[in-house]
Amino acid sequence: MLPVVVPVPPPERAAYLPLLLLADPSERLVAAYLAEGDMFGLCEDGRRRGVMVVIRHDDAVREIKNLAVAPEVQRRGYGRLLLRHAAGQYASVAARLLVGTSESGVPFYTACGFRYSHTLRGFFVDNYDEPIYENGVRCVDMIYLQRDL
């Protein structure tokens, strides 16, 4: 069965918490943007394989606050599928998508058509109680990228 992206209503969102925590290890921060955002789940064969949360930044911008794919199915195009869904979903109501990521996420998003926007210096140090490491490197700055719709 092919993967499908579906909206996730608020009562069902808690079931996606393990996936959400792959992209953002702070339950406190996840809860804050989960309450205000649209959530989409990527399902395949009845299993939750991916998740994306998008918030309204302003009239022209929607921000992807969380995008995660289950480790056992990464590198199969599911992240790209979620991004294509966001582009289609918001093209009629926004001019661009914005996403914040660590340094290790930049190659993925640039390969998906995003370009550099700005950097929040010290974001991961200032907003998380424990240090966050990706590929053995400590995350310090949040790098924002954008994509026109």
C-alpha atoms as a PDB file:
ATOM      1  CA  MET A   1       0.000   0.000   0.000  1.00  0.00           C
ATOM      2  CA  LEU A   2       1.332   3.467  -0.917  1.00  0.00           C
ATOM      3  CA  PRO A   3       2.002   6.028   1.811  1.00  0.00           C
ATOM      4  CA  VAL A   4      -0.702   8.628   2.305  1.00  0.00           C
ATOM      5  CA  VAL A   5      -0.625  12.001   4.077  1.00  0.00           C
ATOM      6  CA  VAL A   6      -3.679  12.710   6.215  1.00  0.00           C
ATOM      7  CA  PRO A   7      -4.694  15.549   8.548  1.00  0.00           C
ATOM      8  CA  VAL A   8      -4.452  14.576  12.213  1.00  0.00           C
ATOM      9  CA  PRO A   9      -7.239  16.001  14.406  1.00  0.00           C
ATOM     10  CA  PRO A  10      -6.322  17.187  17.938  1.00  0.00           C
ATOM     11  CA  PRO A  11      -7.721  14.116  19.755  1.00  0.00           C
ATOM     12  CA  GLU A  12      -5.370  11.830  17.774  1.00  0.00           C
ATOM     13  CA  ARG A  13      -2.174  13.892  17.997  1.00  0.00           C
ATOM     14  CA  ALA A  14      -0.753  12.323  21.150  1.00  0.00           C
ATOM     15  CA  ALA A  15      -0.278   9.049  19.246  1.00  0.00           C
ATOM     16  CA  TYR A  16       2.348  10.792  17.100  1.00  0.00           C
ATOM     17  CA  LEU A  17       4.420  12.059  20.051  1.00  0.00           C
ATOM     18  CA  PRO A  18       7.215   9.463  19.634  1.00  0.00           C
ATOM     19  CA  LEU A  19       7.730  10.638  16.041  1.00  0.00           C
ATOM     20  CA  LEU A  20       7.491  14.330  16.970  1.00  0.00           C
ATOM     21  CA  LEU A  21      10.188  13.846  19.606  1.00  0.00           C
ATOM     22  CA  LEU A  22      12.589  12.550  16.939  1.00  0.00           C
ATOM     23  CA  ALA A  23      12.715  16.050  15.442  1.00  0.00           C
ATOM     24  CA  ASP A  24      12.292  18.002  18.681  1.00  0.00           C
ATOM     25  CA  PRO A  25      13.236  16.319  21.973  1.00  0.00           C
ATOM     26  CA  SER A  26      11.370  18.851  24.149  1.00  0.00           C
ATOM     27  CA  GLU A  27       7.838  17.756  25.026  1.00  0.00           C
ATOM     28  CA  ARG A  28       7.261  21.273  26.364  1.00  0.00           C
ATOM     29  CA  LEU A  29       8.133  22.946  23.054  1.00  0.00           C
ATOM     30  CA  VAL A  30       6.257  20.332  21.011  1.00  0.00           C
ATOM     31  CA  ALA A  31       3.119  20.881  23.118  1.00  0.00           C
ATOM     32  CA  ALA A  32       3.338  24.644  22.578  1.00  0.00           C
ATOM     33  CA  TYR A  33       3.309  24.553  18.783  1.00  0.00           C
ATOM     34  CA  LEU A  34       1.172  21.432  18.491  1.00  0.00           C
ATOM     35  CA  ALA A  35      -1.753  23.306  20.026  1.00  0.00           C
ATOM     36  CA  GLU A  36      -1.620  26.057  17.394  1.00  0.00           C
ATOM     37  CA  GLY A  37      -0.586  24.135  14.287  1.00  0.00           C
ATOM     38  CA  ASP A  38      -2.000  21.923  11.590  1.00  0.00           C
ATOM     39  CA  MET A  39      -0.726  18.378  11.875  1.00  0.00           C
ATOM     40  CA  PHE A  40      -0.341  15.825   9.099  1.00  0.00           C
ATOM     41  CA  GLY A  41       0.529  12.175   9.466  1.00  0.00           C
ATOM     42  CA  LEU A  42       2.123  10.001   6.846  1.00  0.00           C
ATOM     43  CA  CYS A  43       0.738   6.484   7.075  1.00  0.00           C
ATOM     44  CA  GLU A  44       1.712   3.324   5.245  1.00  0.00           C
ATOM     45  CA  ASP A  45       0.162  -0.099   5.736  1.00  0.00           C
ATOM     46  CA  GLY A  46      -1.720   1.218   8.773  1.00  0.00           C
ATOM     47  CA  ARG A  47       1.489   2.400  10.473  1.00  0.00           C
ATOM     48  CA  ARG A  48       2.517   5.929  11.402  1.00  0.00           C
ATOM     49  CA  ARG A  49       5.643   6.559   9.332  1.00  0.00           C
ATOM     50  CA  GLY A  50       5.980  10.340   9.428  1.00  0.00           C
ATOM     51  CA  VAL A  51       4.574  13.540  10.848  1.00  0.00           C
ATOM     52  CA  MET A  52       4.612  17.267  10.108  1.00  0.00           C
ATOM     53  CA  VAL A  53       3.306  20.261  12.058  1.00  0.00           C
ATOM     54  CA  VAL A  54       2.742  23.564  10.258  1.00  0.00           C
ATOM     55  CA  ILE A  55       1.801  26.846  11.913  1.00  0.00           C
ATOM     56  CA  ARG A  56       0.542  30.133  10.519  1.00  0.00           C
ATOM     57  CA  HIS A  57       3.465  32.525  10.886  1.00  0.00           C
ATOM     58  CA  ASP A  58       1.638  35.459   9.261  1.00  0.00           C
ATOM     59  CA  ASP A  59      -0.639  36.020   6.252  1.00  0.00           C
ATOM     60  CA  ALA A  60       2.116  35.205   3.764  1.00  0.00           C
ATOM     61  CA  VAL A  61       4.103  32.544   5.620  1.00  0.00           C
ATOM     62  CA  ARG A  62       3.474  29.081   7.002  1.00  0.00           C
ATOM     63  CA  GLU A  63       6.225  27.589   9.157  1.00  0.00           C
ATOM     64  CA  ILE A  64       7.052  23.910   9.376  1.00  0.00           C
ATOM     65  CA  LYS A  65       7.710  23.460  13.091  1.00  0.00           C
ATOM     66  CA  ASN A  66       8.280  19.719  13.054  1.00  0.00           C
ATOM     67  CA  LEU A  67       8.957  17.166  10.349  1.00  0.00           C
ATOM     68  CA  ALA A  68       9.983  13.648  11.292  1.00  0.00           C
ATOM     69  CA  VAL A  69      10.135  10.245   9.637  1.00  0.00           C
ATOM     70  CA  ALA A  70      10.440   6.968  11.523  1.00  0.00           C
ATOM     71  CA  PRO A  71      14.078   5.785  11.497  1.00  0.00           C
ATOM     72  CA  GLU A  72      13.272   2.451   9.856  1.00  0.00           C
ATOM     73  CA  VAL A  73      11.808   4.174   6.769  1.00  0.00           C
ATOM     74  CA  GLN A  74      14.110   7.171   6.418  1.00  0.00           C
ATOM     75  CA  ARG A  75      15.714   7.839   3.033  1.00  0.00           C
ATOM     76  CA  ARG A  76      12.656   6.549   1.161  1.00  0.00           C
ATOM     77  CA  GLY A  77      11.304   9.963   0.138  1.00  0.00           C
ATOM     78  CA  TYR A  78       8.752  10.275   2.930  1.00  0.00           C
ATOM     79  CA  GLY A  79      10.132  13.605   4.153  1.00  0.00           C
ATOM     80  CA  ARG A  80       9.942  14.960   0.604  1.00  0.00           C
ATOM     81  CA  LEU A  81       6.388  13.644   0.330  1.00  0.00           C
ATOM     82  CA  LEU A  82       5.414  15.573   3.471  1.00  0.00           C
ATOM     83  CA  LEU A  83       7.037  18.745   2.093  1.00  0.00           C
ATOM     84  CA  ARG A  84       5.216  18.361  -1.239  1.00  0.00           C
ATOM     85  CA  HIS A  85       1.997  17.987   0.707  1.00  0.00           C
ATOM     86  CA  ALA A  86       2.685  21.211   2.633  1.00  0.00           C
ATOM     87  CA  ALA A  87       3.457  23.083  -0.587  1.00  0.00           C
ATOM     88  CA  GLY A  88       0.187  21.918  -2.136  1.00  0.00           C
ATOM     89  CA  GLN A  89      -1.828  22.487   1.021  1.00  0.00           C
ATOM     90  CA  TYR A  90      -0.717  26.078   1.564  1.00  0.00           C
ATOM     91  CA  ALA A  91       0.008  27.395  -1.950  1.00  0.00           C
ATOM     92  CA  SER A  92      -3.393  29.098  -2.169  1.00  0.00           C
ATOM     93  CA  VAL A  93      -3.103  30.857   1.211  1.00  0.00           C
ATOM     94  CA  ALA A  94       0.595  31.660   1.643  1.00  0.00           C
ATOM     95  CA  ALA A  95       3.494  32.921  -0.425  1.00  0.00           C
ATOM     96  CA  ARG A  96       6.180  30.789   1.184  1.00  0.00           C
ATOM     97  CA  LEU A  97       7.115  28.037   3.608  1.00  0.00           C
ATOM     98  CA  LEU A  98       9.667  28.609   6.343  1.00  0.00           C
ATOM     99  CA  VAL A  99      11.529  25.932   8.289  1.00  0.00           C
ATOM    100  CA  GLY A 100      14.071  26.072  11.107  1.00  0.00           C
ATOM    101  CA  THR A 101      16.637  23.314  11.407  1.00  0.00           C
ATOM    102  CA  SER A 102      20.033  22.470  12.799  1.00  0.00           C
ATOM    103  CA  GLU A 103      23.098  22.496  10.579  1.00  0.00           C
ATOM    104  CA  SER A 104      22.655  18.813   9.764  1.00  0.00           C
ATOM    105  CA  GLY A 105      19.165  19.421   8.323  1.00  0.00           C
ATOM    106  CA  VAL A 106      20.248  22.101   5.848  1.00  0.00           C
ATOM    107  CA  PRO A 107      21.295  19.720   3.011  1.00  0.00           C
ATOM    108  CA  PHE A 108      17.914  17.958   3.055  1.00  0.00           C
ATOM    109  CA  TYR A 109      15.909  21.164   2.887  1.00  0.00           C
ATOM    110  CA  THR A 110      18.111  22.773   0.238  1.00  0.00           C
ATOM    111  CA  ALA A 111      17.727  19.613  -1.881  1.00  0.00           C
ATOM    112  CA  CYS A 112      13.962  20.138  -1.527  1.00  0.00           C
ATOM    113  CA  GLY A 113      14.084  23.683  -2.908  1.00  0.00           C
ATOM    114  CA  PHE A 114      14.563  25.737   0.252  1.00  0.00           C
ATOM    115  CA  ARG A 115      17.123  28.547   0.457  1.00  0.00           C
ATOM    116  CA  TYR A 116      18.781  30.297   3.386  1.00  0.00           C
ATOM    117  CA  SER A 117      16.697  32.933   5.204  1.00  0.00           C
ATOM    118  CA  HIS A 118      18.332  33.741   8.546  1.00  0.00           C
ATOM    119  CA  THR A 119      19.948  32.275  11.673  1.00  0.00           C
ATOM    120  CA  LEU A 120      18.889  32.391  15.323  1.00  0.00           C
ATOM    121  CA  ARG A 121      22.186  32.297  17.171  1.00  0.00           C
ATOM    122  CA  GLY A 122      22.285  30.056  20.237  1.00  0.00           C
ATOM    123  CA  PHE A 123      18.702  28.823  19.822  1.00  0.00           C
ATOM    124  CA  PHE A 124      19.370  25.220  20.863  1.00  0.00           C
ATOM    125  CA  VAL A 125      21.575  26.259  23.781  1.00  0.00           C
ATOM    126  CA  ASP A 126      19.065  28.840  25.028  1.00  0.00           C
ATOM    127  CA  ASN A 127      15.866  26.778  24.639  1.00  0.00           C
ATOM    128  CA  TYR A 128      16.786  23.235  25.676  1.00  0.00           C
ATOM    129  CA  ASP A 129      17.773  21.987  29.116  1.00  0.00           C
ATOM    130  CA  GLU A 130      20.089  19.298  27.748  1.00  0.00           C
ATOM    131  CA  PRO A 131      22.575  19.631  24.897  1.00  0.00           C
ATOM    132  CA  ILE A 132      21.351  18.266  21.571  1.00  0.00           C
ATOM    133  CA  TYR A 133      23.746  16.397  19.296  1.00  0.00           C
ATOM    134  CA  GLU A 134      23.226  15.344  15.691  1.00  0.00           C
ATOM    135  CA  ASN A 135      25.832  13.243  13.935  1.00  0.00           C
ATOM    136  CA  GLY A 136      28.187  13.838  16.863  1.00  0.00           C
ATOM    137  CA  VAL A 137      27.985  17.648  16.569  1.00  0.00           C
ATOM    138  CA  ARG A 138      26.302  19.828  19.178  1.00  0.00           C
ATOM    139  CA  CYS A 139      23.370  21.847  17.840  1.00  0.00           C
ATOM    140  CA  VAL A 140      23.800  25.522  18.694  1.00  0.00           C
ATOM    141  CA  ASP A 141      22.153  27.761  16.077  1.00  0.00           C
ATOM    142  CA  MET A 142      18.749  27.407  14.401  1.00  0.00           C
ATOM    143  CA  ILE A 143      19.106  27.937  10.664  1.00  0.00           C
ATOM    144  CA  TYR A 144      15.983  29.121   8.877  1.00  0.00           C
ATOM    145  CA  LEU A 145      15.324  28.324   5.251  1.00  0.00           C
ATOM    146  CA  GLN A 146      12.438  29.369   3.021  1.00  0.00           C
ATOM    147  CA  ARG A 147      10.731  28.179  -0.131  1.00  0.00           C
ATOM    148  CA  ASP A 148       8.424  30.184  -2.322  1.00  0.00           C
ATOM    149  CA  LEU A 149       5.063  28.602  -3.064  1.00  0.00           C
END
